[in-house]
Amino acid sequence: MFSIIFYIFTLIQLTFFFILSVLALVVCFPFDKPRRVIHSLSRAICMCFWYGVPTWRRKIEGLENIDKKKSYVIVINHNSMVDILALYFLPLNFRWVSKREVFRIPYVGQLLTIHGDIAIDRSKGADSMRKVTEDGKMWIGRGASIAMFPEGTRSKSGEIGRFKQGAFALAKEAGVEILPVVMHGTRTVLNKFYLVNWRNALKVSVLPPISAEEVAATPMPELMEKTRTMMCEKYNQLRK
């Protein structure tokens, strides 16, 4: 019963912020190319979600590792769709790279489109990578960051899987730092019947960024392995 009330409340919020986002896109588009206003509205949606349940615990650490004046390629471990909502705790204007199927979800897909997120077709590897690079560099040039799941898909085991090259190739091509972010607790927000876990604990940890110089100088396999090792070590700490 309470889960149904939570979903209805969330739907009302989505409707309200969807209307605001459409208005913001129309009004602010000529002078807000990075879409900071729309990102702020998206962040407000996510904060309403996280703070709408008083019994949920939240721990966000490592925000001092972020320079708000910089653009990053943000890499996050992927356990749940809720990972997307949790990243909005970061004080950065960013765009998601997400599979095209997510853009077909009612409300969510339209919000992602308005937000300017990058849709890719995972069945078209080369074309998808080209789109990520071109659109990613465009948004980075506007002062935004790009957020990606380097595993490419959600982890079924809960462990951090093998990384794919996309995020690291973009960081090298765009000449920006890589910002690793590790999350724990997004997997248990909802149970297998989509009922709300009212006692959930979320932990988000922002690790020190890998400098643009190191990104450029480090061979791709070594860069991927270093980043994954950092994230695995932190993930093991968070789940203790």
Protein backbone atom coordinates (compact mmCIF):
# COMPACT_ATOMS: atom_id res chain seq x y z
CA MET A 1 0.00 0.00 0.00
CA PHE A 2 2.73 2.48 1.00
CA SER A 3 4.73 1.56 -2.10
CA ILE A 4 1.73 2.43 -4.29
CA ILE A 5 1.41 5.80 -2.56
CA PHE A 6 5.14 6.37 -3.14
CA TYR A 7 4.79 5.61 -6.86
CA ILE A 8 1.79 7.92 -7.22
CA PHE A 9 3.67 10.69 -5.44
CA THR A 10 6.67 10.12 -7.73
CA LEU A 11 4.47 10.22 -10.84
CA ILE A 12 2.98 13.54 -9.76
CA GLN A 13 6.48 14.94 -9.25
CA LEU A 14 7.59 13.70 -12.67
CA THR A 15 4.58 15.32 -14.33
CA PHE A 16 5.22 18.64 -12.61
CA PHE A 17 8.93 18.75 -13.42
CA PHE A 18 8.33 17.47 -16.95
CA ILE A 19 6.16 20.50 -17.66
CA LEU A 20 8.75 22.81 -16.10
CA SER A 21 11.53 21.19 -18.14
CA VAL A 22 9.64 21.69 -21.42
CA LEU A 23 9.08 25.34 -20.55
CA ALA A 24 12.73 25.75 -19.54
CA LEU A 25 13.90 24.25 -22.84
CA VAL A 26 11.77 26.66 -24.86
CA VAL A 27 12.56 29.77 -22.80
CA CYS A 28 16.24 29.15 -21.98
CA PHE A 29 17.47 27.44 -25.15
CA PRO A 30 18.84 30.60 -26.86
CA PHE A 31 21.15 31.52 -23.96
CA ASP A 32 21.62 28.26 -22.02
CA LYS A 33 23.40 25.92 -24.43
CA PRO A 34 24.79 23.73 -21.57
CA ARG A 35 21.17 23.33 -20.36
CA ARG A 36 22.12 24.11 -16.76
CA VAL A 37 18.56 25.16 -15.92
CA ILE A 38 17.13 21.88 -17.20
CA HIS A 39 19.83 19.94 -15.35
CA SER A 40 18.88 21.77 -12.15
CA LEU A 41 15.27 20.70 -12.65
CA SER A 42 16.37 17.09 -13.24
CA ARG A 43 18.41 17.28 -10.06
CA ALA A 44 15.36 18.58 -8.18
CA ILE A 45 13.37 15.53 -9.34
CA CYS A 46 16.06 13.21 -8.00
CA MET A 47 16.38 15.03 -4.69
CA CYS A 48 12.60 14.80 -4.21
CA PHE A 49 12.95 11.06 -4.77
CA TRP A 50 15.80 10.59 -2.29
CA TYR A 51 14.50 12.90 0.42
CA GLY A 52 10.88 11.85 -0.01
CA VAL A 53 11.46 8.82 2.22
CA PRO A 54 12.60 9.99 5.68
CA THR A 55 13.74 6.49 6.68
CA TRP A 56 16.30 6.21 3.88
CA ARG A 57 19.89 6.83 4.93
CA ARG A 58 22.27 8.62 2.58
CA LYS A 59 26.02 9.05 2.78
CA ILE A 60 27.78 11.10 0.09
CA GLU A 61 31.57 11.39 0.37
CA GLY A 62 34.44 12.72 -1.70
CA LEU A 63 32.71 15.83 -3.06
CA GLU A 64 35.93 17.72 -2.32
CA ASN A 65 37.46 15.79 -5.26
CA ILE A 66 35.23 17.71 -7.68
CA ASP A 67 36.24 20.95 -9.34
CA LYS A 68 32.97 22.54 -10.47
CA LYS A 69 34.82 24.54 -13.12
CA LYS A 70 36.02 21.41 -14.92
CA SER A 71 34.39 18.96 -17.27
CA TYR A 72 34.91 15.24 -16.66
CA VAL A 73 34.10 11.86 -18.07
CA ILE A 74 32.33 10.39 -15.04
CA VAL A 75 32.47 6.58 -14.73
CA ILE A 76 30.06 4.81 -12.36
CA ASN A 77 29.51 1.18 -11.39
CA HIS A 78 26.13 -0.04 -12.56
CA ASN A 79 23.79 -2.05 -10.31
CA SER A 80 20.38 -0.54 -10.94
CA MET A 81 18.40 2.07 -12.87
CA VAL A 82 18.43 3.98 -9.58
CA ASP A 83 22.15 4.67 -10.18
CA ILE A 84 21.02 7.43 -12.54
CA LEU A 85 19.08 9.17 -9.78
CA ALA A 86 21.92 8.85 -7.28
CA LEU A 87 24.50 10.57 -9.49
CA TYR A 88 22.57 13.83 -9.18
CA PHE A 89 24.04 14.24 -5.70
CA LEU A 90 27.15 15.44 -7.56
CA PRO A 91 27.31 19.24 -8.00
CA LEU A 92 28.09 18.95 -11.72
CA ASN A 93 26.19 19.62 -14.92
CA PHE A 94 26.42 16.35 -16.85
CA ARG A 95 24.86 14.36 -19.69
CA TRP A 96 24.18 10.64 -19.62
CA VAL A 97 25.14 8.10 -22.24
CA SER A 98 22.36 5.51 -22.19
CA LYS A 99 20.98 2.72 -24.34
CA ARG A 100 18.18 3.72 -26.70
CA GLU A 101 15.68 1.43 -24.95
CA VAL A 102 15.69 3.70 -21.87
CA PHE A 103 14.55 6.60 -24.04
CA ARG A 104 11.36 4.65 -24.85
CA ILE A 105 10.18 4.62 -21.22
CA PRO A 106 7.23 7.04 -20.78
CA TYR A 107 8.19 10.29 -19.06
CA VAL A 108 11.75 9.09 -18.45
CA GLY A 109 12.63 8.99 -22.15
CA GLN A 110 11.18 12.44 -22.78
CA LEU A 111 13.04 13.88 -19.79
CA LEU A 112 16.31 12.36 -21.00
CA THR A 113 15.76 13.88 -24.44
CA ILE A 114 14.99 17.32 -23.01
CA HIS A 115 18.02 17.01 -20.75
CA GLY A 116 20.20 16.38 -23.82
CA ASP A 117 21.36 12.88 -22.91
CA ILE A 118 23.04 10.71 -25.53
CA ALA A 119 21.13 7.68 -26.83
CA ILE A 120 23.11 4.83 -28.35
CA ASP A 121 22.18 1.63 -30.14
CA ARG A 122 24.33 -1.06 -28.55
CA SER A 123 23.90 -3.34 -31.57
CA LYS A 124 25.87 -0.84 -33.67
CA GLY A 125 29.24 -0.74 -31.95
CA ALA A 126 31.24 1.53 -34.26
CA ASP A 127 28.36 3.92 -34.92
CA SER A 128 27.58 4.12 -31.21
CA MET A 129 31.18 4.92 -30.34
CA ARG A 130 31.28 7.60 -33.02
CA LYS A 131 28.10 9.18 -31.62
CA VAL A 132 29.43 9.08 -28.04
CA THR A 133 32.64 10.78 -29.16
CA GLU A 134 30.98 13.45 -31.31
CA ASP A 135 28.13 14.30 -28.94
CA GLY A 136 30.33 13.90 -25.88
CA LYS A 137 32.90 16.37 -27.19
CA MET A 138 30.10 18.79 -28.09
CA TRP A 139 28.73 18.80 -24.53
CA ILE A 140 32.20 18.95 -22.99
CA GLY A 141 32.89 21.94 -25.23
CA ARG A 142 29.83 23.59 -23.69
CA GLY A 143 31.19 23.03 -20.19
CA ALA A 144 29.22 19.91 -19.26
CA SER A 145 30.53 16.52 -18.14
CA ILE A 146 29.61 13.11 -19.58
CA ALA A 147 28.44 10.25 -17.33
CA MET A 148 28.89 6.64 -18.45
CA PHE A 149 28.69 3.12 -17.08
CA PRO A 150 32.00 1.58 -18.18
CA GLU A 151 30.64 -1.94 -17.66
CA GLY A 152 28.13 -1.24 -20.43
CA THR A 153 25.28 -2.98 -18.61
CA ARG A 154 23.96 -3.66 -15.14
CA SER A 155 25.86 -6.12 -12.98
CA LYS A 156 23.82 -9.27 -12.31
CA SER A 157 26.10 -10.45 -9.49
CA GLY A 158 26.56 -7.12 -7.73
CA GLU A 159 30.29 -7.17 -8.47
CA ILE A 160 31.94 -4.61 -10.75
CA GLY A 161 32.35 -6.24 -14.14
CA ARG A 162 34.85 -5.79 -16.94
CA PHE A 163 35.12 -2.31 -18.44
CA LYS A 164 34.58 -1.36 -22.06
CA GLN A 165 36.64 1.28 -23.85
CA GLY A 166 33.96 3.89 -24.60
CA ALA A 167 34.35 6.22 -21.62
CA PHE A 168 38.13 6.06 -21.71
CA ALA A 169 38.32 6.66 -25.45
CA LEU A 170 36.12 9.74 -25.02
CA ALA A 171 38.29 11.09 -22.18
CA LYS A 172 41.40 10.67 -24.34
CA GLU A 173 39.75 12.23 -27.38
CA ALA A 174 38.32 15.19 -25.43
CA GLY A 175 41.42 15.72 -23.28
CA VAL A 176 39.57 15.69 -19.95
CA GLU A 177 39.93 14.00 -16.58
CA ILE A 178 38.21 10.77 -15.59
CA LEU A 179 36.13 11.02 -12.41
CA PRO A 180 35.39 7.59 -10.86
CA VAL A 181 32.23 7.35 -8.74
CA VAL A 182 31.28 4.27 -6.74
CA MET A 183 27.78 3.54 -5.43
CA HIS A 184 26.36 0.99 -3.05
CA GLY A 185 22.73 0.61 -2.02
CA THR A 186 21.02 1.44 -5.31
CA ARG A 187 20.44 -2.25 -5.93
CA THR A 188 18.29 -2.61 -2.81
CA VAL A 189 16.05 0.46 -3.10
CA LEU A 190 13.36 -1.79 -4.61
CA ASN A 191 12.95 -5.53 -4.17
CA LYS A 192 12.22 -8.01 -6.94
CA PHE A 193 8.49 -7.21 -6.70
CA TYR A 194 9.27 -3.47 -7.06
CA LEU A 195 8.20 -2.79 -3.49
CA VAL A 196 10.08 -0.01 -1.70
CA ASN A 197 12.74 -0.97 0.83
CA TRP A 198 11.97 1.63 3.49
CA ARG A 199 15.23 0.91 5.39
CA ASN A 200 17.61 1.30 2.49
CA ALA A 201 21.05 2.86 2.93
CA LEU A 202 22.70 4.63 -0.02
CA LYS A 203 26.42 5.31 -0.21
CA VAL A 204 28.01 7.39 -2.98
CA SER A 205 31.78 7.92 -3.04
CA VAL A 206 33.59 10.27 -5.43
CA LEU A 207 37.20 9.15 -5.94
CA PRO A 208 40.11 11.42 -6.85
CA PRO A 209 40.07 12.13 -10.60
CA ILE A 210 42.65 10.78 -13.02
CA SER A 211 44.33 13.80 -14.59
CA ALA A 212 43.97 14.61 -18.26
CA GLU A 213 47.74 14.24 -18.63
CA GLU A 214 47.69 10.74 -17.18
CA VAL A 215 44.67 9.83 -19.28
CA ALA A 216 46.50 10.91 -22.43
CA ALA A 217 49.78 9.20 -21.54
CA THR A 218 48.45 5.86 -20.25
CA PRO A 219 47.73 3.01 -22.68
CA MET A 220 44.04 2.17 -22.87
CA PRO A 221 44.15 -1.29 -21.21
CA GLU A 222 46.27 0.04 -18.35
CA LEU A 223 44.01 3.07 -17.87
CA MET A 224 40.91 0.89 -17.77
CA GLU A 225 42.46 -1.54 -15.30
CA LYS A 226 43.72 1.21 -13.01
CA THR A 227 40.28 2.83 -12.89
CA ARG A 228 38.52 -0.47 -12.29
CA THR A 229 40.95 -1.41 -9.50
CA MET A 230 40.33 1.92 -7.74
CA MET A 231 36.58 1.46 -7.98
CA CYS A 232 36.62 -2.18 -6.85
CA GLU A 233 38.68 -1.32 -3.76
CA LYS A 234 36.28 1.46 -2.79
CA TYR A 235 33.24 -0.70 -3.54
CA ASN A 236 34.50 -3.40 -1.19
CA GLN A 237 34.95 -0.77 1.51
CA LEU A 238 31.45 0.65 1.04
CA ARG A 239 29.66 -2.67 1.33
CA LYS A 240 31.38 -3.51 4.59
